[in-house]
Amino acid sequence: MAQHNDLGDLGEKIAVKDLNSKGYQILELNYRFKRDEVDIIAQKNNVIVFVEVKTRESDYLGRPEEAVTMAKQKRIIKVANHYMIENNLELEGRFDIFGIIINKNRQEVRHIEDAFSPQW
C-alpha cells in the first residue's frame, strides 16, 4: 500500500477515536455510492454526521481541510443523500471535516463541525 494511503488510514483511525470520545456512534466507514465515498458516517443524538478526513504530514501547501473543494463537497452531499434514502432516515444531517497533520514532531487534529451545507 502506498505511504499516502497509510497516512490516510491513520488519520481516519484518529478521527474515529476522537468522535467516539465525544459520544458519537460510528455507523459506517468508507461508505461508497457509485464512484464516491464518505470516510465516516456517525450519529450523535438525532443527527447523522457525514465526515471527510484529510490527513497531511504538514500544512506547507495549506491546511488539510482546505482540500475539501466545492466539487468534493458536492460528491459527499450526493453520497449522503443516497445513504439517507437507502436507510429511510428522516433525521437531520450535518457535514464535518477533520483536518489532521501528523508527522514525527507533531500531531494536530481539527474537527470542524458543520463545515459546509448543501447548496440546492
N, C-alpha and C. Protein backbone atom coordinates (compact mmCIF):
# COMPACT_ATOMS: atom_id res chain seq x y z
N MET A 1 0.85 -1.18 0.00
CA MET A 1 0.00 0.00 0.00
C MET A 1 0.89 1.24 0.00
N ALA A 2 0.46 2.25 -0.71
CA ALA A 2 1.24 3.49 -0.80
C ALA A 2 1.28 4.20 0.55
N GLN A 3 2.35 4.94 0.78
CA GLN A 3 2.52 5.64 2.05
C GLN A 3 1.39 6.63 2.31
N HIS A 4 0.90 7.31 1.25
CA HIS A 4 -0.19 8.27 1.46
C HIS A 4 -1.47 7.56 1.89
N ASN A 5 -1.67 6.31 1.43
CA ASN A 5 -2.84 5.54 1.88
C ASN A 5 -2.71 5.19 3.36
N ASP A 6 -1.49 4.82 3.78
CA ASP A 6 -1.25 4.53 5.19
C ASP A 6 -1.54 5.75 6.05
N LEU A 7 -1.09 6.91 5.59
CA LEU A 7 -1.32 8.15 6.32
C LEU A 7 -2.82 8.45 6.39
N GLY A 8 -3.53 8.25 5.30
CA GLY A 8 -4.97 8.47 5.29
C GLY A 8 -5.70 7.53 6.23
N ASP A 9 -5.29 6.26 6.24
CA ASP A 9 -5.90 5.29 7.15
C ASP A 9 -5.65 5.68 8.61
N LEU A 10 -4.43 6.14 8.90
CA LEU A 10 -4.11 6.58 10.26
C LEU A 10 -4.99 7.77 10.65
N GLY A 11 -5.15 8.72 9.73
CA GLY A 11 -6.00 9.87 10.00
C GLY A 11 -7.43 9.48 10.29
N GLU A 12 -7.96 8.52 9.54
CA GLU A 12 -9.33 8.07 9.78
C GLU A 12 -9.46 7.40 11.15
N LYS A 13 -8.45 6.62 11.54
CA LYS A 13 -8.47 5.99 12.86
C LYS A 13 -8.45 7.05 13.98
N ILE A 14 -7.66 8.09 13.78
CA ILE A 14 -7.60 9.18 14.76
C ILE A 14 -8.96 9.87 14.85
N ALA A 15 -9.58 10.12 13.70
CA ALA A 15 -10.90 10.78 13.69
C ALA A 15 -11.95 9.91 14.37
N VAL A 16 -11.94 8.61 14.12
CA VAL A 16 -12.90 7.70 14.76
C VAL A 16 -12.72 7.73 16.27
N LYS A 17 -11.49 7.68 16.72
CA LYS A 17 -11.21 7.71 18.16
C LYS A 17 -11.72 9.02 18.77
N ASP A 18 -11.49 10.14 18.08
CA ASP A 18 -11.94 11.44 18.56
C ASP A 18 -13.47 11.49 18.63
N LEU A 19 -14.12 11.01 17.58
CA LEU A 19 -15.58 11.00 17.55
C LEU A 19 -16.14 10.13 18.68
N ASN A 20 -15.57 8.95 18.85
CA ASN A 20 -16.03 8.07 19.94
C ASN A 20 -15.90 8.75 21.29
N SER A 21 -14.79 9.45 21.50
CA SER A 21 -14.58 10.12 22.79
C SER A 21 -15.58 11.24 23.04
N LYS A 22 -16.17 11.75 21.96
CA LYS A 22 -17.17 12.82 22.07
C LYS A 22 -18.60 12.27 22.07
N GLY A 23 -18.75 10.95 22.12
CA GLY A 23 -20.08 10.35 22.23
C GLY A 23 -20.77 10.04 20.92
N TYR A 24 -20.05 10.08 19.82
CA TYR A 24 -20.63 9.72 18.53
C TYR A 24 -20.64 8.20 18.39
N GLN A 25 -21.67 7.69 17.73
CA GLN A 25 -21.73 6.29 17.35
C GLN A 25 -21.31 6.18 15.90
N ILE A 26 -20.33 5.36 15.60
CA ILE A 26 -19.86 5.18 14.23
C ILE A 26 -20.80 4.20 13.53
N LEU A 27 -21.39 4.64 12.42
CA LEU A 27 -22.33 3.81 11.67
C LEU A 27 -21.68 3.13 10.48
N GLU A 28 -20.81 3.85 9.79
CA GLU A 28 -20.17 3.32 8.58
C GLU A 28 -18.77 3.92 8.45
N LEU A 29 -17.88 3.13 7.87
CA LEU A 29 -16.56 3.61 7.49
C LEU A 29 -16.40 3.40 5.99
N ASN A 30 -15.90 4.40 5.30
CA ASN A 30 -15.65 4.33 3.87
C ASN A 30 -16.89 3.87 3.10
N TYR A 31 -17.99 4.55 3.35
CA TYR A 31 -19.26 4.24 2.69
C TYR A 31 -19.23 4.75 1.26
N ARG A 32 -19.50 3.85 0.31
CA ARG A 32 -19.40 4.18 -1.12
C ARG A 32 -20.78 4.19 -1.78
N PHE A 33 -20.92 5.12 -2.71
CA PHE A 33 -22.06 5.15 -3.63
C PHE A 33 -21.49 5.48 -5.00
N LYS A 34 -21.64 4.55 -5.91
CA LYS A 34 -21.03 4.65 -7.24
C LYS A 34 -19.53 4.85 -7.07
N ARG A 35 -19.00 5.93 -7.58
CA ARG A 35 -17.54 6.15 -7.51
C ARG A 35 -17.11 7.04 -6.35
N ASP A 36 -18.06 7.48 -5.56
CA ASP A 36 -17.76 8.43 -4.49
C ASP A 36 -17.84 7.76 -3.12
N GLU A 37 -17.28 8.44 -2.13
CA GLU A 37 -17.16 7.85 -0.81
C GLU A 37 -17.23 8.93 0.27
N VAL A 38 -17.78 8.53 1.41
CA VAL A 38 -17.70 9.33 2.63
C VAL A 38 -16.85 8.53 3.60
N ASP A 39 -15.88 9.18 4.21
CA ASP A 39 -14.93 8.48 5.08
C ASP A 39 -15.61 7.87 6.31
N ILE A 40 -16.42 8.67 6.99
CA ILE A 40 -17.06 8.21 8.23
C ILE A 40 -18.50 8.73 8.24
N ILE A 41 -19.42 7.84 8.63
CA ILE A 41 -20.80 8.26 8.92
C ILE A 41 -21.03 7.93 10.38
N ALA A 42 -21.43 8.93 11.13
CA ALA A 42 -21.61 8.77 12.58
C ALA A 42 -22.95 9.37 12.97
N GLN A 43 -23.36 9.06 14.18
CA GLN A 43 -24.59 9.63 14.71
C GLN A 43 -24.37 10.08 16.14
N LYS A 44 -24.92 11.24 16.45
CA LYS A 44 -24.95 11.72 17.83
C LYS A 44 -26.32 12.32 18.04
N ASN A 45 -27.00 11.79 19.03
CA ASN A 45 -28.39 12.17 19.27
C ASN A 45 -29.19 11.90 17.99
N ASN A 46 -29.89 12.86 17.48
CA ASN A 46 -30.71 12.65 16.28
C ASN A 46 -30.09 13.30 15.04
N VAL A 47 -28.77 13.35 14.99
CA VAL A 47 -28.07 13.96 13.86
C VAL A 47 -27.14 12.91 13.23
N ILE A 48 -27.27 12.74 11.92
CA ILE A 48 -26.36 11.90 11.16
C ILE A 48 -25.24 12.81 10.64
N VAL A 49 -24.01 12.43 10.91
CA VAL A 49 -22.87 13.28 10.57
C VAL A 49 -22.02 12.57 9.52
N PHE A 50 -21.82 13.24 8.39
CA PHE A 50 -21.01 12.74 7.30
C PHE A 50 -19.65 13.44 7.41
N VAL A 51 -18.60 12.65 7.57
CA VAL A 51 -17.29 13.18 7.92
C VAL A 51 -16.28 12.91 6.81
N GLU A 52 -15.61 13.95 6.36
CA GLU A 52 -14.49 13.84 5.44
C GLU A 52 -13.22 14.07 6.25
N VAL A 53 -12.25 13.16 6.09
CA VAL A 53 -10.99 13.26 6.82
C VAL A 53 -9.88 13.56 5.82
N LYS A 54 -9.13 14.62 6.08
CA LYS A 54 -7.97 14.97 5.26
C LYS A 54 -6.75 14.97 6.17
N THR A 55 -5.78 14.13 5.81
CA THR A 55 -4.58 13.97 6.62
C THR A 55 -3.36 14.32 5.80
N ARG A 56 -2.49 15.11 6.37
CA ARG A 56 -1.25 15.52 5.70
C ARG A 56 -0.10 15.44 6.69
N GLU A 57 1.11 15.44 6.15
CA GLU A 57 2.29 15.47 7.01
C GLU A 57 2.67 16.88 7.42
N SER A 58 2.19 17.87 6.68
CA SER A 58 2.47 19.27 7.04
C SER A 58 1.38 20.15 6.44
N ASP A 59 1.43 21.41 6.81
CA ASP A 59 0.50 22.38 6.22
C ASP A 59 1.25 23.31 5.26
N TYR A 60 2.36 22.84 4.76
CA TYR A 60 3.19 23.63 3.85
C TYR A 60 2.40 24.15 2.65
N LEU A 61 1.54 23.32 2.08
CA LEU A 61 0.74 23.71 0.91
C LEU A 61 -0.68 24.11 1.29
N GLY A 62 -0.92 24.35 2.58
CA GLY A 62 -2.24 24.73 3.05
C GLY A 62 -2.75 23.72 4.06
N ARG A 63 -3.75 24.13 4.80
CA ARG A 63 -4.33 23.25 5.82
C ARG A 63 -5.03 22.08 5.13
N PRO A 64 -5.01 20.91 5.74
CA PRO A 64 -5.61 19.73 5.11
C PRO A 64 -7.08 19.93 4.73
N GLU A 65 -7.84 20.58 5.61
CA GLU A 65 -9.27 20.74 5.37
C GLU A 65 -9.57 21.62 4.15
N GLU A 66 -8.60 22.44 3.75
CA GLU A 66 -8.78 23.28 2.57
C GLU A 66 -8.84 22.46 1.28
N ALA A 67 -8.46 21.20 1.36
CA ALA A 67 -8.51 20.31 0.19
C ALA A 67 -9.92 19.80 -0.10
N VAL A 68 -10.86 20.12 0.79
CA VAL A 68 -12.26 19.71 0.55
C VAL A 68 -12.90 20.82 -0.28
N THR A 69 -12.74 20.69 -1.57
CA THR A 69 -13.21 21.69 -2.53
C THR A 69 -14.72 21.63 -2.68
N MET A 70 -15.27 22.61 -3.39
CA MET A 70 -16.70 22.63 -3.67
C MET A 70 -17.11 21.37 -4.43
N ALA A 71 -16.28 20.93 -5.37
CA ALA A 71 -16.57 19.71 -6.13
C ALA A 71 -16.62 18.50 -5.21
N LYS A 72 -15.67 18.41 -4.27
CA LYS A 72 -15.65 17.30 -3.31
C LYS A 72 -16.87 17.37 -2.41
N GLN A 73 -17.25 18.57 -1.99
CA GLN A 73 -18.43 18.73 -1.15
C GLN A 73 -19.67 18.21 -1.88
N LYS A 74 -19.81 18.53 -3.15
CA LYS A 74 -20.97 18.06 -3.92
C LYS A 74 -21.01 16.54 -3.99
N ARG A 75 -19.85 15.91 -4.14
CA ARG A 75 -19.81 14.44 -4.18
C ARG A 75 -20.20 13.85 -2.83
N ILE A 76 -19.73 14.46 -1.75
CA ILE A 76 -20.08 13.99 -0.41
C ILE A 76 -21.58 14.14 -0.17
N ILE A 77 -22.13 15.26 -0.59
CA ILE A 77 -23.57 15.50 -0.43
C ILE A 77 -24.38 14.46 -1.20
N LYS A 78 -23.92 14.11 -2.40
CA LYS A 78 -24.60 13.10 -3.21
C LYS A 78 -24.61 11.75 -2.49
N VAL A 79 -23.47 11.36 -1.92
CA VAL A 79 -23.38 10.10 -1.18
C VAL A 79 -24.27 10.15 0.06
N ALA A 80 -24.25 11.27 0.76
CA ALA A 80 -25.07 11.43 1.97
C ALA A 80 -26.55 11.31 1.64
N ASN A 81 -26.96 11.92 0.57
CA ASN A 81 -28.36 11.85 0.15
C ASN A 81 -28.75 10.39 -0.12
N HIS A 82 -27.89 9.69 -0.83
CA HIS A 82 -28.16 8.28 -1.11
C HIS A 82 -28.27 7.47 0.20
N TYR A 83 -27.35 7.71 1.12
CA TYR A 83 -27.35 6.99 2.40
C TYR A 83 -28.66 7.23 3.15
N MET A 84 -29.09 8.46 3.21
CA MET A 84 -30.33 8.80 3.94
C MET A 84 -31.54 8.11 3.30
N ILE A 85 -31.61 8.11 1.98
CA ILE A 85 -32.72 7.47 1.28
C ILE A 85 -32.65 5.96 1.44
N GLU A 86 -31.48 5.39 1.23
CA GLU A 86 -31.30 3.94 1.32
C GLU A 86 -31.69 3.40 2.70
N ASN A 87 -31.42 4.18 3.74
CA ASN A 87 -31.71 3.76 5.10
C ASN A 87 -33.00 4.34 5.65
N ASN A 88 -33.76 5.00 4.78
CA ASN A 88 -35.06 5.57 5.14
C ASN A 88 -34.97 6.42 6.41
N LEU A 89 -33.97 7.31 6.42
CA LEU A 89 -33.74 8.16 7.58
C LEU A 89 -34.34 9.55 7.35
N GLU A 90 -35.01 10.03 8.36
CA GLU A 90 -35.55 11.38 8.30
C GLU A 90 -34.98 12.21 9.44
N LEU A 91 -33.70 12.03 9.68
CA LEU A 91 -33.00 12.78 10.71
C LEU A 91 -32.27 13.96 10.08
N GLU A 92 -31.84 14.86 10.93
CA GLU A 92 -31.01 15.98 10.46
C GLU A 92 -29.65 15.44 10.04
N GLY A 93 -29.10 16.01 8.98
CA GLY A 93 -27.77 15.64 8.52
C GLY A 93 -26.82 16.81 8.68
N ARG A 94 -25.54 16.48 8.85
CA ARG A 94 -24.52 17.52 9.01
C ARG A 94 -23.24 17.03 8.35
N PHE A 95 -22.43 17.97 7.89
CA PHE A 95 -21.18 17.65 7.21
C PHE A 95 -20.01 18.24 7.99
N ASP A 96 -19.14 17.36 8.47
CA ASP A 96 -17.97 17.76 9.25
C ASP A 96 -16.71 17.43 8.46
N ILE A 97 -15.64 18.10 8.80
CA ILE A 97 -14.33 17.81 8.23
C ILE A 97 -13.33 17.67 9.37
N PHE A 98 -12.48 16.65 9.27
CA PHE A 98 -11.32 16.54 10.15
C PHE A 98 -10.11 16.91 9.32
N GLY A 99 -9.36 17.89 9.78
CA GLY A 99 -8.08 18.23 9.20
C GLY A 99 -7.00 17.77 10.16
N ILE A 100 -6.17 16.84 9.71
CA ILE A 100 -5.18 16.23 10.59
C ILE A 100 -3.79 16.41 10.00
N ILE A 101 -2.89 16.90 10.83
CA ILE A 101 -1.48 16.97 10.46
C ILE A 101 -0.74 16.05 11.41
N ILE A 102 0.01 15.12 10.82
CA ILE A 102 0.73 14.16 11.65
C ILE A 102 2.09 13.86 11.02
N ASN A 103 3.12 14.02 11.84
CA ASN A 103 4.47 13.66 11.45
C ASN A 103 5.25 13.32 12.72
N LYS A 104 6.53 13.09 12.60
CA LYS A 104 7.30 12.64 13.77
C LYS A 104 7.38 13.70 14.87
N ASN A 105 7.14 14.97 14.52
CA ASN A 105 7.24 16.05 15.50
C ASN A 105 5.91 16.63 15.95
N ARG A 106 4.83 16.25 15.28
CA ARG A 106 3.59 16.98 15.51
C ARG A 106 2.38 16.12 15.19
N GLN A 107 1.34 16.26 16.01
CA GLN A 107 0.03 15.71 15.68
C GLN A 107 -0.99 16.78 16.04
N GLU A 108 -1.69 17.25 15.04
CA GLU A 108 -2.71 18.28 15.22
C GLU A 108 -4.01 17.77 14.61
N VAL A 109 -5.08 17.82 15.39
CA VAL A 109 -6.38 17.35 14.93
C VAL A 109 -7.37 18.50 15.05
N ARG A 110 -7.96 18.86 13.92
CA ARG A 110 -9.01 19.89 13.91
C ARG A 110 -10.31 19.25 13.45
N HIS A 111 -11.32 19.27 14.30
CA HIS A 111 -12.64 18.78 13.96
C HIS A 111 -13.52 20.00 13.69
N ILE A 112 -13.89 20.16 12.45
CA ILE A 112 -14.72 21.31 12.06
C ILE A 112 -16.15 20.82 11.88
N GLU A 113 -16.98 21.14 12.85
CA GLU A 113 -18.38 20.75 12.79
C GLU A 113 -19.14 21.67 11.85
N ASP A 114 -20.11 21.08 11.15
CA ASP A 114 -20.97 21.84 10.24
C ASP A 114 -20.11 22.67 9.26
N ALA A 115 -19.13 22.00 8.66
CA ALA A 115 -18.13 22.66 7.82
C ALA A 115 -18.71 23.21 6.52
N PHE A 116 -19.74 22.56 6.02
CA PHE A 116 -20.41 23.03 4.81
C PHE A 116 -21.82 22.49 4.79
N SER A 117 -22.65 23.04 3.94
CA SER A 117 -24.03 22.58 3.83
C SER A 117 -24.43 22.51 2.36
N PRO A 118 -25.45 21.71 2.08
CA PRO A 118 -25.89 21.59 0.68
C PRO A 118 -26.32 22.95 0.12
N GLN A 119 -25.91 23.21 -1.09
CA GLN A 119 -26.31 24.43 -1.80
C GLN A 119 -27.30 24.02 -2.88
N TRP A 120 -28.57 23.97 -2.56
CA TRP A 120 -29.57 23.49 -3.52
C TRP A 120 -29.96 24.55 -4.50
